[in-house]
């Protein structure tokens, strides 16, 4: 599985990068046969937009969430994928 992190008008700290990578790699336990994962983080006003694009063997998924804290947005998006 390939994980790509795209940052637009935002900088993240190393621990945030590591956290995002770890959470995304944990998605493989759901048996989705993930091939490519792209996480896009954009700065918008006072908050952020986090998009998670998953390319699985036979399906593609896109989840987008807006909020104020990047880590919380990642947790929410990964939890939605777990359902």
PDB file of N, CA and C in Angstrom:
ATOM      1  N   UNK A   1       0.850  -1.178   0.000  1.00  0.00           N
ATOM      2  CA  UNK A   1       0.000   0.000   0.000  1.00  0.00           C
ATOM      3  C   UNK A   1       0.892   1.237   0.000  1.00  0.00           C
ATOM      4  N   UNK A   2       0.537   2.180  -0.827  1.00  0.00           N
ATOM      5  CA  UNK A   2       1.260   3.435  -0.934  1.00  0.00           C
ATOM      6  C   UNK A   2       0.459   4.536  -0.244  1.00  0.00           C
ATOM      7  N   UNK A   3       1.100   5.291   0.651  1.00  0.00           N
ATOM      8  CA  UNK A   3       0.442   6.392   1.363  1.00  0.00           C
ATOM      9  C   UNK A   3       1.098   7.691   0.918  1.00  0.00           C
ATOM     10  N   UNK A   4       0.277   8.621   0.434  1.00  0.00           N
ATOM     11  CA  UNK A   4       0.773   9.922  -0.016  1.00  0.00           C
ATOM     12  C   UNK A   4       0.097  11.007   0.798  1.00  0.00           C
ATOM     13  N   UNK A   5       0.893  11.930   1.311  1.00  0.00           N
ATOM     14  CA  UNK A   5       0.388  13.042   2.101  1.00  0.00           C
ATOM     15  C   UNK A   5       0.584  14.327   1.313  1.00  0.00           C
ATOM     16  N   UNK A   6      -0.519  15.043   1.039  1.00  0.00           N
ATOM     17  CA  UNK A   6      -0.486  16.288   0.275  1.00  0.00           C
ATOM     18  C   UNK A   6      -0.884  17.418   1.210  1.00  0.00           C
ATOM     19  N   UNK A   7      -0.023  18.424   1.324  1.00  0.00           N
ATOM     20  CA  UNK A   7      -0.291  19.572   2.187  1.00  0.00           C
ATOM     21  C   UNK A   7      -0.463  20.813   1.325  1.00  0.00           C
ATOM     22  N   UNK A   8      -1.555  21.538   1.559  1.00  0.00           N
ATOM     23  CA  UNK A   8      -1.823  22.758   0.803  1.00  0.00           C
ATOM     24  C   UNK A   8      -2.002  23.913   1.785  1.00  0.00           C
ATOM     25  N   UNK A   9      -1.083  24.870   1.727  1.00  0.00           N
ATOM     26  CA  UNK A   9      -1.104  26.056   2.590  1.00  0.00           C
ATOM     27  C   UNK A   9      -1.048  25.713   4.072  1.00  0.00           C
ATOM     28  N   UNK A  10      -0.399  24.603   4.409  1.00  0.00           N
ATOM     29  CA  UNK A  10      -0.312  24.188   5.807  1.00  0.00           C
ATOM     30  C   UNK A  10       0.989  23.418   6.014  1.00  0.00           C
ATOM     31  N   UNK A  11       1.528  23.527   7.202  1.00  0.00           N
ATOM     32  CA  UNK A  11       2.675  22.732   7.598  1.00  0.00           C
ATOM     33  C   UNK A  11       2.270  21.912   8.824  1.00  0.00           C
ATOM     34  N   UNK A  12       2.732  20.670   8.877  1.00  0.00           N
ATOM     35  CA  UNK A  12       2.435  19.842  10.038  1.00  0.00           C
ATOM     36  C   UNK A  12       3.742  19.427  10.697  1.00  0.00           C
ATOM     37  N   UNK A  13       3.616  19.073  11.954  1.00  0.00           N
ATOM     38  CA  UNK A  13       4.786  18.636  12.720  1.00  0.00           C
ATOM     39  C   UNK A  13       5.060  17.154  12.445  1.00  0.00           C
ATOM     40  N   UNK A  14       6.252  16.708  12.790  1.00  0.00           N
ATOM     41  CA  UNK A  14       6.648  15.326  12.539  1.00  0.00           C
ATOM     42  C   UNK A  14       5.734  14.333  13.254  1.00  0.00           C
ATOM     43  N   UNK A  15       5.338  14.639  14.512  1.00  0.00           N
ATOM     44  CA  UNK A  15       4.467  13.711  15.233  1.00  0.00           C
ATOM     45  C   UNK A  15       3.103  13.598  14.568  1.00  0.00           C
ATOM     46  N   UNK A  16       2.618  14.689  13.944  1.00  0.00           N
ATOM     47  CA  UNK A  16       1.346  14.622  13.222  1.00  0.00           C
ATOM     48  C   UNK A  16       1.490  13.756  11.967  1.00  0.00           C
ATOM     49  N   UNK A  17       2.603  13.913  11.286  1.00  0.00           N
ATOM     50  CA  UNK A  17       2.871  13.094  10.100  1.00  0.00           C
ATOM     51  C   UNK A  17       2.924  11.610  10.474  1.00  0.00           C
ATOM     52  N   UNK A  18       3.638  11.288  11.551  1.00  0.00           N
ATOM     53  CA  UNK A  18       3.737   9.900  12.005  1.00  0.00           C
ATOM     54  C   UNK A  18       2.376   9.348  12.415  1.00  0.00           C
ATOM     55  N   UNK A  19       1.579  10.170  13.102  1.00  0.00           N
ATOM     56  CA  UNK A  19       0.251   9.746  13.552  1.00  0.00           C
ATOM     57  C   UNK A  19      -0.649   9.435  12.359  1.00  0.00           C
ATOM     58  N   UNK A  20      -0.629  10.317  11.372  1.00  0.00           N
ATOM     59  CA  UNK A  20      -1.457  10.118  10.175  1.00  0.00           C
ATOM     60  C   UNK A  20      -1.056   8.837   9.456  1.00  0.00           C
ATOM     61  N   UNK A  21       0.233   8.640   9.278  1.00  0.00           N
ATOM     62  CA  UNK A  21       0.723   7.445   8.596  1.00  0.00           C
ATOM     63  C   UNK A  21       0.326   6.180   9.343  1.00  0.00           C
ATOM     64  N   UNK A  22       0.457   6.193  10.650  1.00  0.00           N
ATOM     65  CA  UNK A  22       0.096   5.019  11.459  1.00  0.00           C
ATOM     66  C   UNK A  22      -1.396   4.704  11.354  1.00  0.00           C
ATOM     67  N   UNK A  23      -2.236   5.742  11.450  1.00  0.00           N
ATOM     68  CA  UNK A  23      -3.683   5.526  11.366  1.00  0.00           C
ATOM     69  C   UNK A  23      -4.087   4.975   9.997  1.00  0.00           C
ATOM     70  N   UNK A  24      -3.480   5.484   8.935  1.00  0.00           N
ATOM     71  CA  UNK A  24      -3.808   5.032   7.593  1.00  0.00           C
ATOM     72  C   UNK A  24      -3.357   3.593   7.388  1.00  0.00           C
ATOM     73  N   UNK A  25      -2.178   3.264   7.867  1.00  0.00           N
ATOM     74  CA  UNK A  25      -1.685   1.897   7.720  1.00  0.00           C
ATOM     75  C   UNK A  25      -2.549   0.906   8.495  1.00  0.00           C
ATOM     76  N   UNK A  26      -3.187   1.344   9.565  1.00  0.00           N
ATOM     77  CA  UNK A  26      -4.078   0.473  10.334  1.00  0.00           C
ATOM     78  C   UNK A  26      -5.362   0.142   9.573  1.00  0.00           C
ATOM     79  N   UNK A  27      -5.692   0.915   8.538  1.00  0.00           N
ATOM     80  CA  UNK A  27      -6.888   0.623   7.740  1.00  0.00           C
ATOM     81  C   UNK A  27      -6.772  -0.704   7.002  1.00  0.00           C
ATOM     82  N   UNK A  28      -5.575  -1.169   6.769  1.00  0.00           N
ATOM     83  CA  UNK A  28      -5.399  -2.421   6.037  1.00  0.00           C
ATOM     84  C   UNK A  28      -5.969  -3.623   6.786  1.00  0.00           C
ATOM     85  N   UNK A  29      -6.172  -3.494   8.075  1.00  0.00           N
ATOM     86  CA  UNK A  29      -6.704  -4.613   8.862  1.00  0.00           C
ATOM     87  C   UNK A  29      -8.169  -4.918   8.535  1.00  0.00           C
ATOM     88  N   UNK A  30      -8.847  -4.013   7.814  1.00  0.00           N
ATOM     89  CA  UNK A  30     -10.248  -4.219   7.467  1.00  0.00           C
ATOM     90  C   UNK A  30     -10.419  -5.012   6.178  1.00  0.00           C
ATOM     91  N   UNK A  31      -9.330  -5.431   5.567  1.00  0.00           N
ATOM     92  CA  UNK A  31      -9.399  -6.267   4.378  1.00  0.00           C
ATOM     93  C   UNK A  31      -9.910  -5.557   3.147  1.00  0.00           C
ATOM     94  N   UNK A  32      -9.609  -4.289   2.996  1.00  0.00           N
ATOM     95  CA  UNK A  32     -10.084  -3.524   1.846  1.00  0.00           C
ATOM     96  C   UNK A  32      -9.206  -3.689   0.613  1.00  0.00           C
ATOM     97  N   UNK A  33      -8.076  -4.385   0.737  1.00  0.00           N
ATOM     98  CA  UNK A  33      -7.122  -4.527  -0.361  1.00  0.00           C
ATOM     99  C   UNK A  33      -6.714  -3.161  -0.914  1.00  0.00           C
ATOM    100  N   UNK A  34      -6.288  -2.282  -0.021  1.00  0.00           N
ATOM    101  CA  UNK A  34      -5.911  -0.927  -0.404  1.00  0.00           C
ATOM    102  C   UNK A  34      -4.649  -0.940  -1.253  1.00  0.00           C
ATOM    103  N   UNK A  35      -4.687  -0.164  -2.312  1.00  0.00           N
ATOM    104  CA  UNK A  35      -3.530  -0.047  -3.189  1.00  0.00           C
ATOM    105  C   UNK A  35      -2.851   1.308  -2.988  1.00  0.00           C
ATOM    106  N   UNK A  36      -3.623   2.391  -3.040  1.00  0.00           N
ATOM    107  CA  UNK A  36      -3.108   3.744  -2.870  1.00  0.00           C
ATOM    108  C   UNK A  36      -4.001   4.512  -1.908  1.00  0.00           C
ATOM    109  N   UNK A  37      -3.380   5.308  -1.066  1.00  0.00           N
ATOM    110  CA  UNK A  37      -4.121   6.170  -0.146  1.00  0.00           C
ATOM    111  C   UNK A  37      -3.510   7.561  -0.257  1.00  0.00           C
ATOM    112  N   UNK A  38      -4.378   8.562  -0.445  1.00  0.00           N
ATOM    113  CA  UNK A  38      -3.922   9.946  -0.493  1.00  0.00           C
ATOM    114  C   UNK A  38      -4.661  10.739   0.578  1.00  0.00           C
ATOM    115  N   UNK A  39      -3.895  11.394   1.438  1.00  0.00           N
ATOM    116  CA  UNK A  39      -4.450  12.260   2.470  1.00  0.00           C
ATOM    117  C   UNK A  39      -4.090  13.684   2.082  1.00  0.00           C
ATOM    118  N   UNK A  40      -5.103  14.524   1.906  1.00  0.00           N
ATOM    119  CA  UNK A  40      -4.886  15.924   1.552  1.00  0.00           C
ATOM    120  C   UNK A  40      -5.353  16.787   2.714  1.00  0.00           C
ATOM    121  N   UNK A  41      -4.477  17.679   3.152  1.00  0.00           N
ATOM    122  CA  UNK A  41      -4.805  18.597   4.243  1.00  0.00           C
ATOM    123  C   UNK A  41      -4.687  20.009   3.690  1.00  0.00           C
ATOM    124  N   UNK A  42      -5.782  20.777   3.814  1.00  0.00           N
ATOM    125  CA  UNK A  42      -5.825  22.147   3.299  1.00  0.00           C
ATOM    126  C   UNK A  42      -6.171  23.101   4.436  1.00  0.00           C
ATOM    127  N   UNK A  43      -5.570  24.257   4.413  1.00  0.00           N
ATOM    128  CA  UNK A  43      -5.924  25.317   5.353  1.00  0.00           C
ATOM    129  C   UNK A  43      -7.050  26.124   4.741  1.00  0.00           C
ATOM    130  N   UNK A  44      -8.127  26.334   5.517  1.00  0.00           N
ATOM    131  CA  UNK A  44      -9.253  27.126   5.026  1.00  0.00           C
ATOM    132  C   UNK A  44      -9.736  28.020   6.166  1.00  0.00           C
ATOM    133  N   UNK A  45      -9.510  29.306   6.034  1.00  0.00           N
ATOM    134  CA  UNK A  45      -9.919  30.226   7.087  1.00  0.00           C
ATOM    135  C   UNK A  45      -9.189  29.912   8.383  1.00  0.00           C
ATOM    136  N   UNK A  46      -9.966  29.662   9.434  1.00  0.00           N
ATOM    137  CA  UNK A  46      -9.387  29.332  10.734  1.00  0.00           C
ATOM    138  C   UNK A  46      -9.291  27.837  10.976  1.00  0.00           C
ATOM    139  N   UNK A  47      -9.705  27.050  10.027  1.00  0.00           N
ATOM    140  CA  UNK A  47      -9.710  25.599  10.210  1.00  0.00           C
ATOM    141  C   UNK A  47      -9.008  24.872   9.084  1.00  0.00           C
ATOM    142  N   UNK A  48      -9.303  23.593   9.006  1.00  0.00           N
ATOM    143  CA  UNK A  48      -8.660  22.713   8.027  1.00  0.00           C
ATOM    144  C   UNK A  48      -9.711  21.853   7.336  1.00  0.00           C
ATOM    145  N   UNK A  49      -9.357  21.399   6.154  1.00  0.00           N
ATOM    146  CA  UNK A  49     -10.140  20.397   5.444  1.00  0.00           C
ATOM    147  C   UNK A  49      -9.208  19.208   5.242  1.00  0.00           C
ATOM    148  N   UNK A  50      -9.660  18.028   5.669  1.00  0.00           N
ATOM    149  CA  UNK A  50      -8.886  16.812   5.475  1.00  0.00           C
ATOM    150  C   UNK A  50      -9.681  15.905   4.551  1.00  0.00           C
ATOM    151  N   UNK A  51      -9.048  15.481   3.461  1.00  0.00           N
ATOM    152  CA  UNK A  51      -9.662  14.562   2.513  1.00  0.00           C
ATOM    153  C   UNK A  51      -8.874  13.262   2.529  1.00  0.00           C
ATOM    154  N   UNK A  52      -9.584  12.165   2.537  1.00  0.00           N
ATOM    155  CA  UNK A  52      -8.966  10.850   2.486  1.00  0.00           C
ATOM    156  C   UNK A  52      -9.496  10.140   1.246  1.00  0.00           C
ATOM    157  N   UNK A  53      -8.594   9.849   0.327  1.00  0.00           N
ATOM    158  CA  UNK A  53      -8.957   9.143  -0.903  1.00  0.00           C
ATOM    159  C   UNK A  53      -8.315   7.767  -0.861  1.00  0.00           C
ATOM    160  N   UNK A  54      -9.144   6.728  -0.914  1.00  0.00           N
ATOM    161  CA  UNK A  54      -8.662   5.350  -0.877  1.00  0.00           C
ATOM    162  C   UNK A  54      -8.931   4.683  -2.215  1.00  0.00           C
ATOM    163  N   UNK A  55      -7.902   4.082  -2.760  1.00  0.00           N
ATOM    164  CA  UNK A  55      -8.026   3.326  -3.987  1.00  0.00           C
ATOM    165  C   UNK A  55      -7.862   1.862  -3.606  1.00  0.00           C
ATOM    166  N   UNK A  56      -8.966   1.141  -3.578  1.00  0.00           N
ATOM    167  CA  UNK A  56      -8.948  -0.281  -3.239  1.00  0.00           C
ATOM    168  C   UNK A  56      -8.964  -1.088  -4.534  1.00  0.00           C
ATOM    169  N   UNK A  57      -8.980  -2.385  -4.380  1.00  0.00           N
ATOM    170  CA  UNK A  57      -8.889  -3.266  -5.535  1.00  0.00           C
ATOM    171  C   UNK A  57     -10.020  -3.019  -6.537  1.00  0.00           C
ATOM    172  N   UNK A  58     -11.259  -2.902  -6.065  1.00  0.00           N
ATOM    173  CA  UNK A  58     -12.391  -2.730  -6.973  1.00  0.00           C
ATOM    174  C   UNK A  58     -13.237  -1.501  -6.674  1.00  0.00           C
ATOM    175  N   UNK A  59     -12.851  -0.709  -5.668  1.00  0.00           N
ATOM    176  CA  UNK A  59     -13.652   0.459  -5.291  1.00  0.00           C
ATOM    177  C   UNK A  59     -12.742   1.610  -4.924  1.00  0.00           C
ATOM    178  N   UNK A  60     -13.297   2.815  -5.026  1.00  0.00           N
ATOM    179  CA  UNK A  60     -12.617   4.026  -4.582  1.00  0.00           C
ATOM    180  C   UNK A  60     -13.499   4.704  -3.545  1.00  0.00           C
ATOM    181  N   UNK A  61     -12.871   5.267  -2.536  1.00  0.00           N
ATOM    182  CA  UNK A  61     -13.587   5.950  -1.471  1.00  0.00           C
ATOM    183  C   UNK A  61     -13.003   7.348  -1.300  1.00  0.00           C
ATOM    184  N   UNK A  62     -13.865   8.328  -1.043  1.00  0.00           N
ATOM    185  CA  UNK A  62     -13.423   9.685  -0.757  1.00  0.00           C
ATOM    186  C   UNK A  62     -14.229  10.191   0.427  1.00  0.00           C
ATOM    187  N   UNK A  63     -13.517  10.597   1.464  1.00  0.00           N
ATOM    188  CA  UNK A  63     -14.158  11.156   2.646  1.00  0.00           C
ATOM    189  C   UNK A  63     -13.522  12.508   2.912  1.00  0.00           C
ATOM    190  N   UNK A  64     -14.355  13.503   3.216  1.00  0.00           N
ATOM    191  CA  UNK A  64     -13.873  14.847   3.492  1.00  0.00           C
ATOM    192  C   UNK A  64     -14.489  15.333   4.794  1.00  0.00           C
ATOM    193  N   UNK A  65     -13.684  15.998   5.595  1.00  0.00           N
ATOM    194  CA  UNK A  65     -14.168  16.513   6.871  1.00  0.00           C
ATOM    195  C   UNK A  65     -13.523  17.863   7.135  1.00  0.00           C
ATOM    196  N   UNK A  66     -14.296  18.808   7.681  1.00  0.00           N
ATOM    197  CA  UNK A  66     -13.793  20.135   8.040  1.00  0.00           C
ATOM    198  C   UNK A  66     -13.778  20.272   9.552  1.00  0.00           C
ATOM    199  N   UNK A  67     -12.763  20.977  10.060  1.00  0.00           N
ATOM    200  CA  UNK A  67     -12.678  21.198  11.490  1.00  0.00           C
ATOM    201  C   UNK A  67     -11.480  22.045  11.853  1.00  0.00           C
ATOM    202  N   UNK A  68     -11.204  22.115  13.162  1.00  0.00           N
ATOM    203  CA  UNK A  68     -10.143  22.988  13.653  1.00  0.00           C
ATOM    204  C   UNK A  68      -8.848  22.267  13.984  1.00  0.00           C
ATOM    205  N   UNK A  69      -8.891  20.955  14.245  1.00  0.00           N
ATOM    206  CA  UNK A  69      -7.691  20.223  14.640  1.00  0.00           C
ATOM    207  C   UNK A  69      -7.464  19.039  13.707  1.00  0.00           C
ATOM    208  N   UNK A  70      -6.268  18.968  13.153  1.00  0.00           N
ATOM    209  CA  UNK A  70      -5.946  17.948  12.156  1.00  0.00           C
ATOM    210  C   UNK A  70      -6.066  16.542  12.734  1.00  0.00           C
ATOM    211  N   UNK A  71      -5.526  16.321  13.922  1.00  0.00           N
ATOM    212  CA  UNK A  71      -5.542  14.987  14.537  1.00  0.00           C
ATOM    213  C   UNK A  71      -6.977  14.507  14.750  1.00  0.00           C
ATOM    214  N   UNK A  72      -7.846  15.395  15.240  1.00  0.00           N
ATOM    215  CA  UNK A  72      -9.253  15.020  15.443  1.00  0.00           C
ATOM    216  C   UNK A  72      -9.925  14.666  14.120  1.00  0.00           C
ATOM    217  N   UNK A  73      -9.628  15.413  13.072  1.00  0.00           N
ATOM    218  CA  UNK A  73     -10.216  15.135  11.762  1.00  0.00           C
ATOM    219  C   UNK A  73      -9.765  13.780  11.228  1.00  0.00           C
ATOM    220  N   UNK A  74      -8.498  13.461  11.409  1.00  0.00           N
ATOM    221  CA  UNK A  74      -7.986  12.149  10.983  1.00  0.00           C
ATOM    222  C   UNK A  74      -8.700  11.037  11.739  1.00  0.00           C
ATOM    223  N   UNK A  75      -8.856  11.200  13.054  1.00  0.00           N
ATOM    224  CA  UNK A  75      -9.550  10.180  13.851  1.00  0.00           C
ATOM    225  C   UNK A  75     -10.982   9.970  13.362  1.00  0.00           C
ATOM    226  N   UNK A  76     -11.692  11.050  13.093  1.00  0.00           N
ATOM    227  CA  UNK A  76     -13.079  10.952  12.644  1.00  0.00           C
ATOM    228  C   UNK A  76     -13.163  10.235  11.293  1.00  0.00           C
ATOM    229  N   UNK A  77     -12.283  10.616  10.373  1.00  0.00           N
ATOM    230  CA  UNK A  77     -12.304  10.006   9.043  1.00  0.00           C
ATOM    231  C   UNK A  77     -11.970   8.510   9.112  1.00  0.00           C
ATOM    232  N   UNK A  78     -10.969   8.144   9.870  1.00  0.00           N
ATOM    233  CA  UNK A  78     -10.591   6.731   9.972  1.00  0.00           C
ATOM    234  C   UNK A  78     -11.711   5.932  10.647  1.00  0.00           C
ATOM    235  N   UNK A  79     -12.363   6.519  11.648  1.00  0.00           N
ATOM    236  CA  UNK A  79     -13.493   5.850  12.299  1.00  0.00           C
ATOM    237  C   UNK A  79     -14.639   5.639  11.320  1.00  0.00           C
ATOM    238  N   UNK A  80     -14.879   6.600  10.444  1.00  0.00           N
ATOM    239  CA  UNK A  80     -15.934   6.434   9.430  1.00  0.00           C
ATOM    240  C   UNK A  80     -15.606   5.287   8.475  1.00  0.00           C
ATOM    241  N   UNK A  81     -14.345   5.140   8.131  1.00  0.00           N
ATOM    242  CA  UNK A  81     -13.949   4.052   7.247  1.00  0.00           C
ATOM    243  C   UNK A  81     -14.097   2.699   7.938  1.00  0.00           C
ATOM    244  N   UNK A  82     -13.966   2.670   9.246  1.00  0.00           N
ATOM    245  CA  UNK A  82     -14.064   1.412   9.986  1.00  0.00           C
ATOM    246  C   UNK A  82     -15.489   0.887  10.040  1.00  0.00           C
ATOM    247  N   UNK A  83     -16.463   1.759   9.825  1.00  0.00           N
ATOM    248  CA  UNK A  83     -17.876   1.353   9.929  1.00  0.00           C
ATOM    249  C   UNK A  83     -18.336   0.615   8.711  1.00  0.00           C
TER     250      UNK A  83
END
